[in-house]
Protein backbone atom coordinates (compact mmCIF):
# COMPACT_ATOMS: atom_id res chain seq x y z
CA MET A 1 0.00 0.00 0.00
CA LYS A 2 2.80 2.39 0.94
CA SER A 3 4.56 1.54 -2.31
CA PHE A 4 1.40 2.36 -4.26
CA GLN A 5 1.00 5.71 -2.46
CA LYS A 6 4.63 6.52 -3.14
CA THR A 7 4.13 5.76 -6.84
CA ILE A 8 1.08 8.02 -6.99
CA ALA A 9 2.95 10.82 -5.23
CA THR A 10 5.87 10.48 -7.64
CA CYS A 11 3.51 10.64 -10.63
CA LEU A 12 1.90 13.79 -9.27
CA VAL A 13 5.28 15.46 -8.84
CA VAL A 14 6.34 14.51 -12.39
CA PHE A 15 3.02 15.74 -13.79
CA THR A 16 3.37 19.06 -11.96
CA VAL A 17 6.90 19.58 -13.25
CA LEU A 18 5.84 18.76 -16.82
CA PHE A 19 2.86 21.11 -16.55
CA LEU A 20 5.03 23.99 -15.35
CA PHE A 21 7.55 23.32 -18.12
CA VAL A 22 4.88 23.33 -20.83
CA ALA A 23 3.26 26.44 -19.37
CA ARG A 24 6.55 28.27 -19.47
CA ARG A 25 7.65 26.94 -22.85
CA TYR A 26 4.43 27.87 -24.61
CA HIS A 27 3.59 31.01 -22.65
CA ALA A 28 0.36 29.56 -21.30
CA LEU A 29 -1.89 32.33 -20.03
CA PRO A 30 -4.54 32.17 -17.32
CA ALA A 31 -8.08 31.80 -18.61
CA THR A 32 -9.28 35.12 -17.24
CA LYS A 33 -11.94 36.83 -19.30
CA LEU A 34 -10.72 39.90 -21.16
CA THR A 35 -13.41 42.02 -22.70
CA GLY A 36 -13.51 44.94 -25.12
CA LYS A 37 -11.89 45.54 -28.46
CA THR A 38 -8.34 45.03 -27.24
CA GLY A 39 -9.34 41.67 -25.81
CA GLN A 40 -10.90 40.62 -29.11
CA ILE A 41 -7.74 41.62 -30.95
CA ALA A 42 -5.56 39.76 -28.46
CA VAL A 43 -7.58 36.56 -28.78
CA SER A 44 -7.63 36.87 -32.58
CA PHE A 45 -3.87 37.37 -32.64
CA LEU A 46 -3.30 34.38 -30.36
CA LYS A 47 -5.45 32.13 -32.52
CA HIS A 48 -3.13 32.81 -35.47
CA HIS A 49 -0.01 31.66 -33.61
CA SER A 50 0.65 27.97 -33.11
CA TYR A 51 2.29 28.40 -29.72
CA ALA A 52 -0.82 29.83 -28.05
CA THR A 53 -4.26 28.24 -28.07
CA VAL A 54 -6.59 29.88 -25.56
CA SER A 55 -10.24 30.78 -25.27
CA SER A 56 -9.62 33.97 -23.32
CA VAL A 57 -6.59 35.78 -21.99
CA SER A 58 -5.44 38.28 -19.42
CA LEU A 59 -2.75 40.72 -20.47
CA ILE A 60 -1.35 40.76 -16.93
CA SER A 61 -0.01 37.25 -16.54
CA SER A 62 2.00 35.21 -14.08
CA TYR A 63 4.67 34.55 -16.70
CA PRO A 64 7.84 33.34 -14.96
CA SER A 65 10.27 36.07 -13.99
CA ASP A 66 13.17 34.11 -12.48
CA SER A 67 16.61 34.60 -14.00
CA ALA A 68 16.55 31.24 -15.79
CA GLN A 69 13.56 32.40 -17.80
CA LEU A 70 14.64 35.93 -18.72
CA PRO A 71 13.26 36.79 -22.16
CA ASN A 72 14.97 38.22 -25.19
CA LEU A 73 14.26 41.93 -25.52
CA ARG A 74 12.92 43.71 -28.58
CA ILE A 75 12.79 47.32 -27.40
CA LEU A 76 11.11 50.29 -29.08
CA PRO A 77 12.50 53.61 -27.82
CA LEU A 78 9.61 55.97 -28.65
CA GLY A 79 9.68 59.73 -28.25
CA ASP A 80 11.27 62.97 -29.38
CA SER A 81 14.81 64.36 -29.59
CA ILE A 82 15.81 62.91 -26.21
CA THR A 83 14.97 59.44 -27.50
CA TYR A 84 16.92 60.28 -30.66
CA GLY A 85 19.96 61.20 -28.56
CA TYR A 86 20.23 64.87 -29.52
CA ARG A 87 23.14 66.73 -27.92
CA SER A 88 24.86 63.58 -26.71
CA THR A 89 28.49 63.32 -27.80
CA SER A 90 28.05 59.98 -29.58
CA GLY A 91 24.47 60.60 -30.71
CA ASP A 92 23.41 57.43 -28.90
CA GLY A 93 21.67 59.28 -26.08
CA TYR A 94 20.59 56.92 -23.31
CA ARG A 95 20.44 53.90 -25.60
CA ALA A 96 24.12 52.86 -25.45
CA ALA A 97 24.35 52.85 -21.66
CA LEU A 98 21.01 51.06 -21.37
CA PHE A 99 22.07 48.46 -23.94
CA GLY A 100 25.25 47.78 -21.97
CA SER A 101 23.31 47.18 -18.76
CA LEU A 102 20.65 45.01 -20.39
CA ASN A 103 23.06 43.03 -22.56
CA SER A 104 24.86 41.75 -19.46
CA THR A 105 21.57 40.47 -18.01
CA PHE A 106 19.26 39.34 -20.82
CA PRO A 107 19.90 36.71 -23.52
CA SER A 108 19.66 39.26 -26.34
CA VAL A 109 18.73 42.91 -26.71
CA LYS A 110 17.58 44.55 -29.93
CA TYR A 111 16.37 48.10 -30.51
CA ILE A 112 13.82 48.66 -33.26
CA GLY A 113 12.51 51.76 -35.04
CA THR A 114 12.56 53.60 -38.34
CA GLN A 115 15.13 56.13 -37.11
CA HIS A 116 18.85 55.51 -36.78
CA SER A 117 21.12 57.76 -34.76
CA GLY A 118 24.39 57.47 -32.93
CA SER A 119 27.62 55.54 -33.33
CA MET A 120 26.46 52.28 -31.73
CA GLU A 121 25.76 49.39 -34.08
CA ASN A 122 22.27 48.68 -32.73
CA ASN A 123 21.11 52.30 -33.08
CA ALA A 124 17.47 51.96 -34.23
CA ASN A 125 14.86 54.05 -32.45
CA GLU A 126 11.64 55.98 -33.00
CA GLY A 127 12.85 59.35 -31.74
CA HIS A 128 11.74 62.43 -33.67
CA PRO A 129 13.40 65.75 -32.74
CA GLY A 130 10.92 68.57 -32.24
CA TYR A 131 7.87 66.30 -32.37
CA MET A 132 4.93 66.68 -30.04
CA ILE A 133 2.87 63.76 -28.75
CA HIS A 134 0.39 63.66 -31.61
CA ASP A 135 3.24 63.91 -34.16
CA ILE A 136 4.96 60.95 -32.52
CA ALA A 137 1.71 58.97 -32.68
CA LYS A 138 1.53 59.48 -36.44
CA LYS A 139 5.03 58.04 -36.88
CA ALA A 140 4.73 55.14 -34.45
CA LEU A 141 2.80 52.50 -36.41
CA PRO A 142 5.62 51.02 -38.56
CA SER A 143 7.71 50.37 -35.47
CA LEU A 144 4.80 49.17 -33.35
CA SER A 145 3.98 46.73 -36.14
CA GLN A 146 7.30 45.01 -35.42
CA GLN A 147 5.75 43.93 -32.09
CA PRO A 148 8.31 45.02 -29.51
CA ASN A 149 7.93 43.39 -26.12
CA VAL A 150 9.10 46.56 -24.35
CA ILE A 151 8.11 50.11 -25.33
CA LEU A 152 10.03 52.97 -23.71
CA MET A 153 7.75 55.99 -24.11
CA MET A 154 9.04 59.47 -23.31
CA ALA A 155 6.96 62.20 -24.90
CA GLY A 156 5.55 65.60 -24.01
CA THR A 157 8.57 67.87 -23.59
CA ASN A 158 7.84 69.73 -26.85
CA ASP A 159 4.14 70.03 -26.02
CA ILE A 160 5.13 71.81 -22.80
CA ALA A 161 8.16 73.81 -23.96
CA ARG A 162 6.54 75.42 -27.02
CA PRO A 163 3.84 75.35 -25.53
CA TYR A 164 1.11 73.55 -27.49
CA MET A 165 -2.14 73.14 -25.56
CA PRO A 166 -0.20 71.92 -22.50
CA GLU A 167 -3.39 71.42 -20.49
CA ASP A 168 -4.40 68.67 -22.94
CA ALA A 169 -0.96 67.03 -23.11
CA PRO A 170 -1.80 64.37 -20.47
CA TRP A 171 -4.87 63.36 -22.51
CA ARG A 172 -2.76 63.10 -25.67
CA LEU A 173 -0.22 60.98 -23.81
CA GLY A 174 -3.01 58.68 -22.65
CA ALA A 175 -4.17 58.30 -26.25
CA LEU A 176 -0.64 57.40 -27.36
CA ILE A 177 -0.41 54.80 -24.58
CA ASP A 178 -3.75 53.32 -25.67
CA PHE A 179 -2.59 53.19 -29.28
CA ALA A 180 0.56 51.32 -28.28
CA ILE A 181 -1.44 48.86 -26.17
CA LEU A 182 -3.96 48.28 -28.95
CA THR A 183 -1.29 47.68 -31.56
CA CYS A 184 1.01 45.64 -29.31
CA PRO A 185 -1.28 43.88 -26.81
CA PHE A 186 1.54 41.65 -25.54
CA SER A 187 4.06 44.44 -24.94
CA VAL A 188 4.77 46.27 -21.72
CA VAL A 189 4.65 50.07 -22.03
CA ILE A 190 6.97 51.97 -19.70
CA VAL A 191 6.00 55.64 -19.59
CA ALA A 192 8.47 58.28 -18.44
CA GLN A 193 7.67 61.19 -16.23
CA LEU A 194 9.78 63.82 -17.94
CA ALA A 195 13.17 65.13 -16.91
CA PRO A 196 13.04 68.80 -15.88
CA VAL A 197 13.76 71.66 -18.27
CA THR A 198 15.14 75.08 -17.42
CA GLU A 199 14.36 76.76 -20.75
CA PRO A 200 11.98 78.45 -21.12
CA PRO A 201 11.69 79.20 -17.39
CA GLU A 202 7.88 78.99 -17.36
CA ALA A 203 8.07 75.41 -18.64
CA GLN A 204 9.45 74.17 -15.32
CA TYR A 205 6.09 74.44 -13.56
CA MET A 206 4.21 73.00 -16.54
CA ILE A 207 6.54 69.97 -16.67
CA ARG A 208 5.90 69.31 -12.98
CA THR A 209 2.14 69.65 -13.54
CA PHE A 210 2.29 67.27 -16.52
CA ASN A 211 4.38 64.74 -14.63
CA ALA A 212 2.04 64.78 -11.65
CA GLN A 213 -0.80 63.46 -13.82
CA ILE A 214 1.08 60.53 -15.35
CA PRO A 215 0.79 58.10 -12.39
CA ALA A 216 -3.01 58.40 -12.51
CA ILE A 217 -3.01 57.86 -16.29
CA VAL A 218 -0.98 54.69 -15.82
CA ALA A 219 -2.97 53.46 -12.81
CA GLU A 220 -6.22 53.83 -14.73
CA ARG A 221 -4.95 51.43 -17.38
CA GLN A 222 -3.43 49.02 -14.91
CA LYS A 223 -6.83 48.66 -13.25
CA VAL A 224 -8.27 47.21 -16.46
CA GLY A 225 -5.40 44.77 -16.93
CA LYS A 226 -2.97 46.70 -19.12
CA LYS A 227 0.77 46.16 -18.80
CA VAL A 228 1.75 49.79 -18.24
CA LEU A 229 4.02 51.31 -15.63
CA THR A 230 5.73 54.64 -15.11
CA VAL A 231 9.25 55.72 -14.19
CA ASP A 232 10.21 59.16 -12.92
CA MET A 233 13.13 60.78 -14.75
CA SER A 234 12.83 63.93 -12.64
CA GLN A 235 13.99 62.01 -9.55
CA LYS A 236 17.37 61.32 -11.17
CA VAL A 237 17.95 64.09 -13.71
CA SER A 238 18.23 67.72 -12.62
CA GLY A 239 18.98 71.03 -14.30
CA VAL A 240 22.73 70.55 -13.87
CA ASN A 241 22.50 67.42 -16.06
CA LEU A 242 21.20 69.40 -19.05
CA TYR A 243 23.25 70.53 -22.05
CA ASP A 244 21.07 73.44 -23.13
CA GLY A 245 18.25 73.68 -20.60
CA VAL A 246 16.18 71.03 -22.40
CA HIS A 247 18.36 68.16 -23.63
CA PRO A 248 20.51 66.09 -21.27
CA ASN A 249 24.27 66.11 -21.38
CA ASP A 250 26.13 62.80 -21.53
CA TYR A 251 25.86 62.24 -17.79
CA GLY A 252 22.17 63.13 -17.90
CA TYR A 253 21.61 60.53 -20.60
CA ASP A 254 23.40 57.93 -18.45
CA LEU A 255 21.02 58.75 -15.59
CA ILE A 256 18.04 58.29 -17.91
CA ALA A 257 19.44 54.89 -18.93
CA LYS A 258 19.57 53.85 -15.26
CA VAL A 259 15.92 54.82 -14.75
CA TRP A 260 14.84 52.86 -17.84
CA TYR A 261 16.85 49.85 -16.65
CA GLU A 262 15.11 49.94 -13.27
CA GLY A 263 11.74 50.16 -15.02
CA ILE A 264 12.46 47.15 -17.22
CA GLN A 265 13.62 45.16 -14.20
CA GLU A 266 10.39 46.06 -12.42
CA ALA A 267 8.33 44.92 -15.41
CA VAL A 268 10.24 41.62 -15.46
CA LYS A 269 9.60 41.15 -11.75
CA PHE A 270 5.87 41.64 -12.41
CA GLY A 271 6.05 38.92 -15.07
CA TRP A 272 5.00 41.36 -17.79
CA VAL A 273 7.91 40.95 -20.22
CA TRP A 274 7.24 37.95 -22.47
CA GLU A 275 9.28 36.58 -25.33
CA PRO A 276 8.89 38.75 -28.45
CA ILE A 277 6.29 37.53 -30.90
CA THR A 278 7.88 35.85 -33.89
CA MET A 279 7.04 38.02 -36.88
CA GLY A 280 6.03 35.71 -39.68
CA HIS A 281 2.77 35.11 -41.47
CA HIS A 282 0.65 37.55 -39.50
CA GLY A 283 1.32 41.21 -38.92
CA ALA A 284 0.02 43.72 -36.41
CA VAL A 285 -3.23 45.47 -35.73
CA THR A 286 -3.59 48.76 -37.52
CA GLU A 287 -5.46 51.85 -36.33
CA ASP A 288 -5.80 55.46 -37.41
CA ILE A 289 -4.55 58.35 -35.28
CA GLY A 290 -6.41 61.65 -35.33
CA PRO A 291 -4.58 64.99 -35.59
CA ASP A 292 -5.01 65.48 -31.85
CA GLY A 293 -3.44 62.13 -31.04
CA SER A 294 -6.72 60.30 -30.43
CA VAL A 295 -7.24 56.71 -31.57
CA LEU A 296 -9.88 56.66 -34.28
CA PRO A 297 -12.22 53.73 -34.98
CA SER A 298 -10.51 50.96 -36.86
CA ARG A 299 -10.66 50.96 -40.62
CA PRO A 300 -10.30 47.71 -42.57
CA VAL A 301 -6.92 47.42 -44.19
CA VAL A 302 -6.57 46.02 -47.69
CA ARG A 303 -3.37 44.14 -48.44
CA ASP A 304 -2.82 41.77 -51.33
CA GLY A 305 -6.47 42.08 -52.29
CA ARG A 306 -7.73 41.00 -48.86
CA THR A 307 -9.57 43.10 -46.30
CA CYS A 308 -8.58 42.41 -42.73
CA GLU A 309 -7.58 43.88 -39.37
CA ILE A 310 -4.77 41.41 -38.78
CA CYS A 311 -3.17 40.61 -42.08
CA VAL A 312 0.04 39.80 -43.85
């Protein structure tokens, strides 16, 4: 009898180990109901990939976060001239220092984007000097369609410094976050509270006001299951770390890299950073962006004579 019980116990242990292995290997997600358009898109996208067969998904998952299971990183740096690396000696901005930190921890690190700046080999990004939030939104789709698993979003400095309707800048940022989530439902979006500026002087207060609203914008989306978090650049970067009152100097960019690194580590600890989606037969969801940065209702996309929302 004891031998039989021991055999049963051994079988249960083996079954549990196999289950955990399969769950990790194939990114099994908990069957938590996800409603709304984003949920429909997520389920549709999953159904077209052989490694994931689910009836319903939750975007916030208990994906393993121990060091043995660290994912490869496909990172989209998204923003304005600070993302581009303007005024840094090498032109790499924060991206070189961040790459060095991540590359020593994760299996592989790749930046993506339509822009290329700096002397580093892996210098892709989606940084657009002088662009405001709604301008960035208009340029983001090609890079978002590459399905990054981490999006580093730092936008709003030009909206405040010009200024361009600064009171509505938090709303425009929220729309850009929603667009990124809708297009990349399996990515984690890390949103920066902006580094301070000293020029023009009146922008200092507006930057602080803008930053103060970002945690609530992020929390609102977390409550409905979105993988979004915020990091605060203003806690690390100060006016003495600026080259010209707006753009960081080299040391300021290194400080920004440290904040991004901490944010990515936090996302990994939450279990939010999954392996990048293999880009093959199926592409990404497409949406239209209005001139004010708002996400417009989806419009069917025609490619190769076929009308679809997720297509080749």
